[in-house]
Every structure is written in C-alpha cells, then in structure tokens.
Amino acid sequence: MGSGTPWTTPSELAEHEFCPRALHYHRTREAPTSRSAVAGTTFHRRQLGAERWRSDHPGWGWVALAAGVTLVGVALAILAR
C-alpha cells in the first residue's frame, strides 16, 4: 500500500471505505493530533486486537453459545417447577 505510484489499488479503496482517514495516515505516516483522531486510532487498535484474538481462538464463540443455552435451559427448568 502506498507504493508511490499515482494509481490506487483495490485494497487501498477497501481501506478507504472502512476508514477514510486510514489511507491518509498510511501514506503520510503522520501521527493523529486531535482528540477524536486519537480516539479513532485507539478504537481501531482495540478492534484489530479483538479480531486477532477471535481468529486465534475460534472455538470460544461456540463455548460461550453452549454455556448460554445451558443457562437458559437450567433457568427454564427451575421456573417450570
């Protein structure tokens, strides 16, 4: 990305669609200075970390779903008494 050519690549277009300022920051390498820009950078870093964790631990979503279904089943059994 930011290959120095005047052409825009499809991945750069996708990145721009996700976050219009991301392409600018990637090309200029300048640090965000405003409070909202810093908040946006923090948000993107947190989202990327969460996405990376989910891809490294794919089974935990199913474990959470099974635990939730079990808890609902137990609650319904208790209420049915």
PDB file of N, CA and C in Angstrom:
ATOM      1  N   MET A   1       0.828  -1.170   0.000  1.00  0.00           N
ATOM      2  CA  MET A   1       0.000   0.000   0.000  1.00  0.00           C
ATOM      3  C   MET A   1       0.874   1.236   0.000  1.00  0.00           C
ATOM      4  N   GLY A   2       0.376   2.287  -0.575  1.00  0.00           N
ATOM      5  CA  GLY A   2       1.179   3.495  -0.654  1.00  0.00           C
ATOM      6  C   GLY A   2       2.454   3.254  -1.426  1.00  0.00           C
ATOM      7  N   SER A   3       2.339   2.606  -2.586  1.00  0.00           N
ATOM      8  CA  SER A   3       3.514   2.175  -3.334  1.00  0.00           C
ATOM      9  C   SER A   3       4.267   3.320  -3.999  1.00  0.00           C
ATOM     10  N   GLY A   4       3.753   4.512  -3.942  1.00  0.00           N
ATOM     11  CA  GLY A   4       4.426   5.649  -4.551  1.00  0.00           C
ATOM     12  C   GLY A   4       3.974   5.908  -5.983  1.00  0.00           C
ATOM     13  N   THR A   5       3.124   5.055  -6.516  1.00  0.00           N
ATOM     14  CA  THR A   5       2.599   5.264  -7.859  1.00  0.00           C
ATOM     15  C   THR A   5       1.341   6.125  -7.767  1.00  0.00           C
ATOM     16  N   PRO A   6       0.968   6.769  -8.863  1.00  0.00           N
ATOM     17  CA  PRO A   6      -0.248   7.591  -8.821  1.00  0.00           C
ATOM     18  C   PRO A   6      -1.531   6.762  -8.826  1.00  0.00           C
ATOM     19  N   TRP A   7      -1.418   5.453  -8.944  1.00  0.00           N
ATOM     20  CA  TRP A   7      -2.595   4.586  -9.018  1.00  0.00           C
ATOM     21  C   TRP A   7      -3.042   4.156  -7.630  1.00  0.00           C
ATOM     22  N   THR A   8      -4.344   3.977  -7.487  1.00  0.00           N
ATOM     23  CA  THR A   8      -4.913   3.494  -6.236  1.00  0.00           C
ATOM     24  C   THR A   8      -5.253   2.020  -6.412  1.00  0.00           C
ATOM     25  N   THR A   9      -4.806   1.192  -5.476  1.00  0.00           N
ATOM     26  CA  THR A   9      -5.056  -0.241  -5.570  1.00  0.00           C
ATOM     27  C   THR A   9      -6.430  -0.579  -4.992  1.00  0.00           C
ATOM     28  N   PRO A  10      -6.976  -1.741  -5.349  1.00  0.00           N
ATOM     29  CA  PRO A  10      -8.259  -2.149  -4.769  1.00  0.00           C
ATOM     30  C   PRO A  10      -8.212  -2.250  -3.244  1.00  0.00           C
ATOM     31  N   SER A  11      -7.092  -2.707  -2.683  1.00  0.00           N
ATOM     32  CA  SER A  11      -7.014  -2.801  -1.224  1.00  0.00           C
ATOM     33  C   SER A  11      -7.010  -1.412  -0.587  1.00  0.00           C
ATOM     34  N   GLU A  12      -6.428  -0.423  -1.264  1.00  0.00           N
ATOM     35  CA  GLU A  12      -6.474   0.944  -0.751  1.00  0.00           C
ATOM     36  C   GLU A  12      -7.902   1.483  -0.790  1.00  0.00           C
ATOM     37  N   LEU A  13      -8.650   1.138  -1.825  1.00  0.00           N
ATOM     38  CA  LEU A  13     -10.058   1.553  -1.901  1.00  0.00           C
ATOM     39  C   LEU A  13     -10.866   0.911  -0.777  1.00  0.00           C
ATOM     40  N   ALA A  14     -10.591  -0.361  -0.501  1.00  0.00           N
ATOM     41  CA  ALA A  14     -11.303  -1.042   0.590  1.00  0.00           C
ATOM     42  C   ALA A  14     -10.952  -0.406   1.928  1.00  0.00           C
ATOM     43  N   GLU A  15      -9.677  -0.069   2.109  1.00  0.00           N
ATOM     44  CA  GLU A  15      -9.268   0.569   3.361  1.00  0.00           C
ATOM     45  C   GLU A  15      -9.929   1.936   3.501  1.00  0.00           C
ATOM     46  N   HIS A  16     -10.025   2.668   2.397  1.00  0.00           N
ATOM     47  CA  HIS A  16     -10.673   3.979   2.425  1.00  0.00           C
ATOM     48  C   HIS A  16     -12.151   3.834   2.757  1.00  0.00           C
ATOM     49  N   GLU A  17     -12.800   2.801   2.249  1.00  0.00           N
ATOM     50  CA  GLU A  17     -14.208   2.576   2.548  1.00  0.00           C
ATOM     51  C   GLU A  17     -14.400   2.281   4.029  1.00  0.00           C
ATOM     52  N   PHE A  18     -13.454   1.528   4.622  1.00  0.00           N
ATOM     53  CA  PHE A  18     -13.528   1.196   6.045  1.00  0.00           C
ATOM     54  C   PHE A  18     -13.285   2.432   6.903  1.00  0.00           C
ATOM     55  N   CYS A  19     -12.254   3.199   6.574  1.00  0.00           N
ATOM     56  CA  CYS A  19     -11.921   4.395   7.347  1.00  0.00           C
ATOM     57  C   CYS A  19     -11.245   5.396   6.401  1.00  0.00           C
ATOM     58  N   PRO A  20     -11.921   6.463   6.026  1.00  0.00           N
ATOM     59  CA  PRO A  20     -11.368   7.407   5.055  1.00  0.00           C
ATOM     60  C   PRO A  20     -10.018   7.999   5.455  1.00  0.00           C
ATOM     61  N   ARG A  21      -9.778   8.178   6.746  1.00  0.00           N
ATOM     62  CA  ARG A  21      -8.506   8.761   7.171  1.00  0.00           C
ATOM     63  C   ARG A  21      -7.379   7.736   7.215  1.00  0.00           C
ATOM     64  N   ALA A  22      -7.696   6.437   7.241  1.00  0.00           N
ATOM     65  CA  ALA A  22      -6.667   5.403   7.356  1.00  0.00           C
ATOM     66  C   ALA A  22      -5.677   5.485   6.199  1.00  0.00           C
ATOM     67  N   LEU A  23      -6.169   5.674   5.000  1.00  0.00           N
ATOM     68  CA  LEU A  23      -5.285   5.757   3.836  1.00  0.00           C
ATOM     69  C   LEU A  23      -4.379   6.977   3.935  1.00  0.00           C
ATOM     70  N   HIS A  24      -4.922   8.090   4.393  1.00  0.00           N
ATOM     71  CA  HIS A  24      -4.117   9.298   4.561  1.00  0.00           C
ATOM     72  C   HIS A  24      -3.002   9.064   5.576  1.00  0.00           C
ATOM     73  N   TYR A  25      -3.348   8.479   6.720  1.00  0.00           N
ATOM     74  CA  TYR A  25      -2.336   8.232   7.752  1.00  0.00           C
ATOM     75  C   TYR A  25      -1.303   7.222   7.277  1.00  0.00           C
ATOM     76  N   HIS A  26      -1.743   6.248   6.497  1.00  0.00           N
ATOM     77  CA  HIS A  26      -0.806   5.248   5.995  1.00  0.00           C
ATOM     78  C   HIS A  26       0.187   5.878   5.007  1.00  0.00           C
ATOM     79  N   ARG A  27      -0.292   6.765   4.176  1.00  0.00           N
ATOM     80  CA  ARG A  27       0.584   7.374   3.161  1.00  0.00           C
ATOM     81  C   ARG A  27       1.505   8.437   3.746  1.00  0.00           C
ATOM     82  N   THR A  28       1.019   9.216   4.687  1.00  0.00           N
ATOM     83  CA  THR A  28       1.835  10.324   5.202  1.00  0.00           C
ATOM     84  C   THR A  28       2.644   9.943   6.434  1.00  0.00           C
ATOM     85  N   ARG A  29       2.255   8.891   7.125  1.00  0.00           N
ATOM     86  CA  ARG A  29       2.920   8.433   8.347  1.00  0.00           C
ATOM     87  C   ARG A  29       2.894   9.486   9.457  1.00  0.00           C
ATOM     88  N   GLU A  30       1.970  10.430   9.372  1.00  0.00           N
ATOM     89  CA  GLU A  30       1.872  11.436  10.431  1.00  0.00           C
ATOM     90  C   GLU A  30       0.986  10.894  11.549  1.00  0.00           C
ATOM     91  N   ALA A  31       1.305  11.263  12.751  1.00  0.00           N
ATOM     92  CA  ALA A  31       0.526  10.816  13.899  1.00  0.00           C
ATOM     93  C   ALA A  31      -0.728  11.668  14.033  1.00  0.00           C
ATOM     94  N   PRO A  32      -1.846  11.051  14.420  1.00  0.00           N
ATOM     95  CA  PRO A  32      -3.053  11.837  14.632  1.00  0.00           C
ATOM     96  C   PRO A  32      -2.856  12.801  15.800  1.00  0.00           C
ATOM     97  N   THR A  33      -3.385  14.006  15.656  1.00  0.00           N
ATOM     98  CA  THR A  33      -3.143  15.021  16.669  1.00  0.00           C
ATOM     99  C   THR A  33      -4.391  15.424  17.438  1.00  0.00           C
ATOM    100  N   SER A  34      -5.548  15.333  16.844  1.00  0.00           N
ATOM    101  CA  SER A  34      -6.757  15.775  17.545  1.00  0.00           C
ATOM    102  C   SER A  34      -7.248  14.689  18.497  1.00  0.00           C
ATOM    103  N   ARG A  35      -8.075  15.087  19.435  1.00  0.00           N
ATOM    104  CA  ARG A  35      -8.618  14.137  20.410  1.00  0.00           C
ATOM    105  C   ARG A  35      -9.451  13.068  19.711  1.00  0.00           C
ATOM    106  N   SER A  36     -10.257  13.448  18.729  1.00  0.00           N
ATOM    107  CA  SER A  36     -11.087  12.466  18.034  1.00  0.00           C
ATOM    108  C   SER A  36     -10.235  11.515  17.194  1.00  0.00           C
ATOM    109  N   ALA A  37      -9.133  12.021  16.610  1.00  0.00           N
ATOM    110  CA  ALA A  37      -8.252  11.150  15.836  1.00  0.00           C
ATOM    111  C   ALA A  37      -7.566  10.128  16.735  1.00  0.00           C
ATOM    112  N   VAL A  38      -7.149  10.560  17.903  1.00  0.00           N
ATOM    113  CA  VAL A  38      -6.527   9.631  18.856  1.00  0.00           C
ATOM    114  C   VAL A  38      -7.553   8.599  19.317  1.00  0.00           C
ATOM    115  N   ALA A  39      -8.784   9.030  19.558  1.00  0.00           N
ATOM    116  CA  ALA A  39      -9.842   8.100  19.953  1.00  0.00           C
ATOM    117  C   ALA A  39     -10.117   7.096  18.835  1.00  0.00           C
ATOM    118  N   GLY A  40     -10.109   7.566  17.592  1.00  0.00           N
ATOM    119  CA  GLY A  40     -10.311   6.660  16.453  1.00  0.00           C
ATOM    120  C   GLY A  40      -9.185   5.650  16.323  1.00  0.00           C
ATOM    121  N   THR A  41      -7.951   6.104  16.534  1.00  0.00           N
ATOM    122  CA  THR A  41      -6.805   5.198  16.474  1.00  0.00           C
ATOM    123  C   THR A  41      -6.905   4.147  17.572  1.00  0.00           C
ATOM    124  N   THR A  42      -7.294   4.562  18.760  1.00  0.00           N
ATOM    125  CA  THR A  42      -7.465   3.629  19.871  1.00  0.00           C
ATOM    126  C   THR A  42      -8.561   2.619  19.562  1.00  0.00           C
ATOM    127  N   PHE A  43      -9.662   3.091  18.987  1.00  0.00           N
ATOM    128  CA  PHE A  43     -10.772   2.205  18.622  1.00  0.00           C
ATOM    129  C   PHE A  43     -10.313   1.164  17.610  1.00  0.00           C
ATOM    130  N   HIS A  44      -9.611   1.611  16.564  1.00  0.00           N
ATOM    131  CA  HIS A  44      -9.157   0.678  15.529  1.00  0.00           C
ATOM    132  C   HIS A  44      -8.162  -0.326  16.100  1.00  0.00           C
ATOM    133  N   ARG A  45      -7.298   0.101  16.982  1.00  0.00           N
ATOM    134  CA  ARG A  45      -6.325  -0.809  17.598  1.00  0.00           C
ATOM    135  C   ARG A  45      -7.055  -1.860  18.444  1.00  0.00           C
ATOM    136  N   ARG A  46      -8.077  -1.432  19.190  1.00  0.00           N
ATOM    137  CA  ARG A  46      -8.854  -2.355  20.015  1.00  0.00           C
ATOM    138  C   ARG A  46      -9.626  -3.340  19.140  1.00  0.00           C
ATOM    139  N   GLN A  47     -10.239  -2.850  18.071  1.00  0.00           N
ATOM    140  CA  GLN A  47     -10.986  -3.725  17.166  1.00  0.00           C
ATOM    141  C   GLN A  47     -10.069  -4.751  16.509  1.00  0.00           C
ATOM    142  N   LEU A  48      -8.885  -4.307  16.078  1.00  0.00           N
ATOM    143  CA  LEU A  48      -7.936  -5.221  15.450  1.00  0.00           C
ATOM    144  C   LEU A  48      -7.482  -6.282  16.445  1.00  0.00           C
ATOM    145  N   GLY A  49      -7.235  -5.879  17.691  1.00  0.00           N
ATOM    146  CA  GLY A  49      -6.837  -6.841  18.715  1.00  0.00           C
ATOM    147  C   GLY A  49      -7.925  -7.878  18.978  1.00  0.00           C
ATOM    148  N   ALA A  50      -9.173  -7.417  19.031  1.00  0.00           N
ATOM    149  CA  ALA A  50     -10.288  -8.334  19.260  1.00  0.00           C
ATOM    150  C   ALA A  50     -10.452  -9.292  18.081  1.00  0.00           C
ATOM    151  N   GLU A  51     -10.316  -8.780  16.885  1.00  0.00           N
ATOM    152  CA  GLU A  51     -10.430  -9.628  15.693  1.00  0.00           C
ATOM    153  C   GLU A  51      -9.297 -10.644  15.651  1.00  0.00           C
ATOM    154  N   ARG A  52      -8.113 -10.215  16.002  1.00  0.00           N
ATOM    155  CA  ARG A  52      -6.968 -11.127  16.033  1.00  0.00           C
ATOM    156  C   ARG A  52      -7.184 -12.212  17.086  1.00  0.00           C
ATOM    157  N   TRP A  53      -7.711 -11.834  18.267  1.00  0.00           N
ATOM    158  CA  TRP A  53      -7.979 -12.821  19.318  1.00  0.00           C
ATOM    159  C   TRP A  53      -9.019 -13.834  18.855  1.00  0.00           C
ATOM    160  N   ARG A  54     -10.102 -13.348  18.204  1.00  0.00           N
ATOM    161  CA  ARG A  54     -11.146 -14.258  17.723  1.00  0.00           C
ATOM    162  C   ARG A  54     -10.611 -15.222  16.682  1.00  0.00           C
ATOM    163  N   SER A  55      -9.699 -14.760  15.828  1.00  0.00           N
ATOM    164  CA  SER A  55      -9.155 -15.669  14.810  1.00  0.00           C
ATOM    165  C   SER A  55      -8.172 -16.659  15.429  1.00  0.00           C
ATOM    166  N   ASP A  56      -7.506 -16.287  16.514  1.00  0.00           N
ATOM    167  CA  ASP A  56      -6.587 -17.204  17.193  1.00  0.00           C
ATOM    168  C   ASP A  56      -7.317 -18.210  18.080  1.00  0.00           C
ATOM    169  N   HIS A  57      -8.534 -17.900  18.512  1.00  0.00           N
ATOM    170  CA  HIS A  57      -9.320 -18.746  19.408  1.00  0.00           C
ATOM    171  C   HIS A  57     -10.720 -18.965  18.823  1.00  0.00           C
ATOM    172  N   PRO A  58     -10.837 -19.706  17.723  1.00  0.00           N
ATOM    173  CA  PRO A  58     -12.134 -19.803  17.042  1.00  0.00           C
ATOM    174  C   PRO A  58     -13.202 -20.575  17.816  1.00  0.00           C
ATOM    175  N   GLY A  59     -12.831 -21.453  18.730  1.00  0.00           N
ATOM    176  CA  GLY A  59     -13.819 -22.272  19.415  1.00  0.00           C
ATOM    177  C   GLY A  59     -14.511 -21.588  20.568  1.00  0.00           C
ATOM    178  N   TRP A  60     -13.997 -20.469  21.051  1.00  0.00           N
ATOM    179  CA  TRP A  60     -14.567 -19.833  22.237  1.00  0.00           C
ATOM    180  C   TRP A  60     -15.963 -19.273  21.989  1.00  0.00           C
ATOM    181  N   GLY A  61     -16.272 -18.896  20.790  1.00  0.00           N
ATOM    182  CA  GLY A  61     -17.631 -18.433  20.493  1.00  0.00           C
ATOM    183  C   GLY A  61     -18.647 -19.545  20.688  1.00  0.00           C
ATOM    184  N   TRP A  62     -18.294 -20.759  20.261  1.00  0.00           N
ATOM    185  CA  TRP A  62     -19.186 -21.901  20.430  1.00  0.00           C
ATOM    186  C   TRP A  62     -19.307 -22.287  21.900  1.00  0.00           C
ATOM    187  N   VAL A  63     -18.216 -22.151  22.648  1.00  0.00           N
ATOM    188  CA  VAL A  63     -18.255 -22.443  24.088  1.00  0.00           C
ATOM    189  C   VAL A  63     -19.208 -21.462  24.780  1.00  0.00           C
ATOM    190  N   ALA A  64     -19.115 -20.186  24.442  1.00  0.00           N
ATOM    191  CA  ALA A  64     -19.997 -19.180  25.038  1.00  0.00           C
ATOM    192  C   ALA A  64     -21.457 -19.443  24.669  1.00  0.00           C
ATOM    193  N   LEU A  65     -21.692 -19.831  23.421  1.00  0.00           N
ATOM    194  CA  LEU A  65     -23.059 -20.143  22.994  1.00  0.00           C
ATOM    195  C   LEU A  65     -23.609 -21.340  23.763  1.00  0.00           C
ATOM    196  N   ALA A  66     -22.817 -22.385  23.911  1.00  0.00           N
ATOM    197  CA  ALA A  66     -23.254 -23.575  24.647  1.00  0.00           C
ATOM    198  C   ALA A  66     -23.530 -23.236  26.108  1.00  0.00           C
ATOM    199  N   ALA A  67     -22.686 -22.414  26.718  1.00  0.00           N
ATOM    200  CA  ALA A  67     -22.902 -22.014  28.107  1.00  0.00           C
ATOM    201  C   ALA A  67     -24.196 -21.222  28.246  1.00  0.00           C
ATOM    202  N   GLY A  68     -24.461 -20.317  27.302  1.00  0.00           N
ATOM    203  CA  GLY A  68     -25.699 -19.536  27.338  1.00  0.00           C
ATOM    204  C   GLY A  68     -26.935 -20.400  27.189  1.00  0.00           C
ATOM    205  N   VAL A  69     -26.892 -21.350  26.258  1.00  0.00           N
ATOM    206  CA  VAL A  69     -28.037 -22.249  26.060  1.00  0.00           C
ATOM    207  C   VAL A  69     -28.257 -23.099  27.307  1.00  0.00           C
ATOM    208  N   THR A  70     -27.172 -23.554  27.915  1.00  0.00           N
ATOM    209  CA  THR A  70     -27.280 -24.351  29.144  1.00  0.00           C
ATOM    210  C   THR A  70     -27.901 -23.530  30.266  1.00  0.00           C
ATOM    211  N   LEU A  71     -27.459 -22.299  30.431  1.00  0.00           N
ATOM    212  CA  LEU A  71     -28.019 -21.445  31.481  1.00  0.00           C
ATOM    213  C   LEU A  71     -29.507 -21.173  31.259  1.00  0.00           C
ATOM    214  N   VAL A  72     -29.891 -20.951  30.025  1.00  0.00           N
ATOM    215  CA  VAL A  72     -31.317 -20.738  29.730  1.00  0.00           C
ATOM    216  C   VAL A  72     -32.099 -22.002  30.029  1.00  0.00           C
ATOM    217  N   GLY A  73     -31.558 -23.158  29.677  1.00  0.00           N
ATOM    218  CA  GLY A  73     -32.230 -24.430  29.969  1.00  0.00           C
ATOM    219  C   GLY A  73     -32.395 -24.658  31.455  1.00  0.00           C
ATOM    220  N   VAL A  74     -31.360 -24.372  32.233  1.00  0.00           N
ATOM    221  CA  VAL A  74     -31.448 -24.520  33.689  1.00  0.00           C
ATOM    222  C   VAL A  74     -32.478 -23.550  34.253  1.00  0.00           C
ATOM    223  N   ALA A  75     -32.473 -22.309  33.792  1.00  0.00           N
ATOM    224  CA  ALA A  75     -33.442 -21.336  34.281  1.00  0.00           C
ATOM    225  C   ALA A  75     -34.877 -21.753  33.952  1.00  0.00           C
ATOM    226  N   LEU A  76     -35.096 -22.277  32.761  1.00  0.00           N
ATOM    227  CA  LEU A  76     -36.439 -22.740  32.394  1.00  0.00           C
ATOM    228  C   LEU A  76     -36.854 -23.949  33.229  1.00  0.00           C
ATOM    229  N   ALA A  77     -35.911 -24.831  33.521  1.00  0.00           N
ATOM    230  CA  ALA A  77     -36.220 -25.999  34.351  1.00  0.00           C
ATOM    231  C   ALA A  77     -36.587 -25.578  35.767  1.00  0.00           C
ATOM    232  N   ILE A  78     -35.908 -24.600  36.308  1.00  0.00           N
ATOM    233  CA  ILE A  78     -36.199 -24.103  37.650  1.00  0.00           C
ATOM    234  C   ILE A  78     -37.571 -23.418  37.675  1.00  0.00           C
ATOM    235  N   LEU A  79     -37.863 -22.638  36.645  1.00  0.00           N
ATOM    236  CA  LEU A  79     -39.145 -21.944  36.593  1.00  0.00           C
ATOM    237  C   LEU A  79     -40.316 -22.899  36.357  1.00  0.00           C
ATOM    238  N   ALA A  80     -40.056 -24.048  35.756  1.00  0.00           N
ATOM    239  CA  ALA A  80     -41.121 -24.999  35.444  1.00  0.00           C
ATOM    240  C   ALA A  80     -41.569 -25.767  36.689  1.00  0.00           C
ATOM    241  N   ARG A  81     -40.807 -25.752  37.756  1.00  0.00           N
ATOM    242  CA  ARG A  81     -41.174 -26.486  38.983  1.00  0.00           C
ATOM    243  C   ARG A  81     -42.373 -25.958  39.623  1.00  0.00           C
TER     244      ARG A  81
END
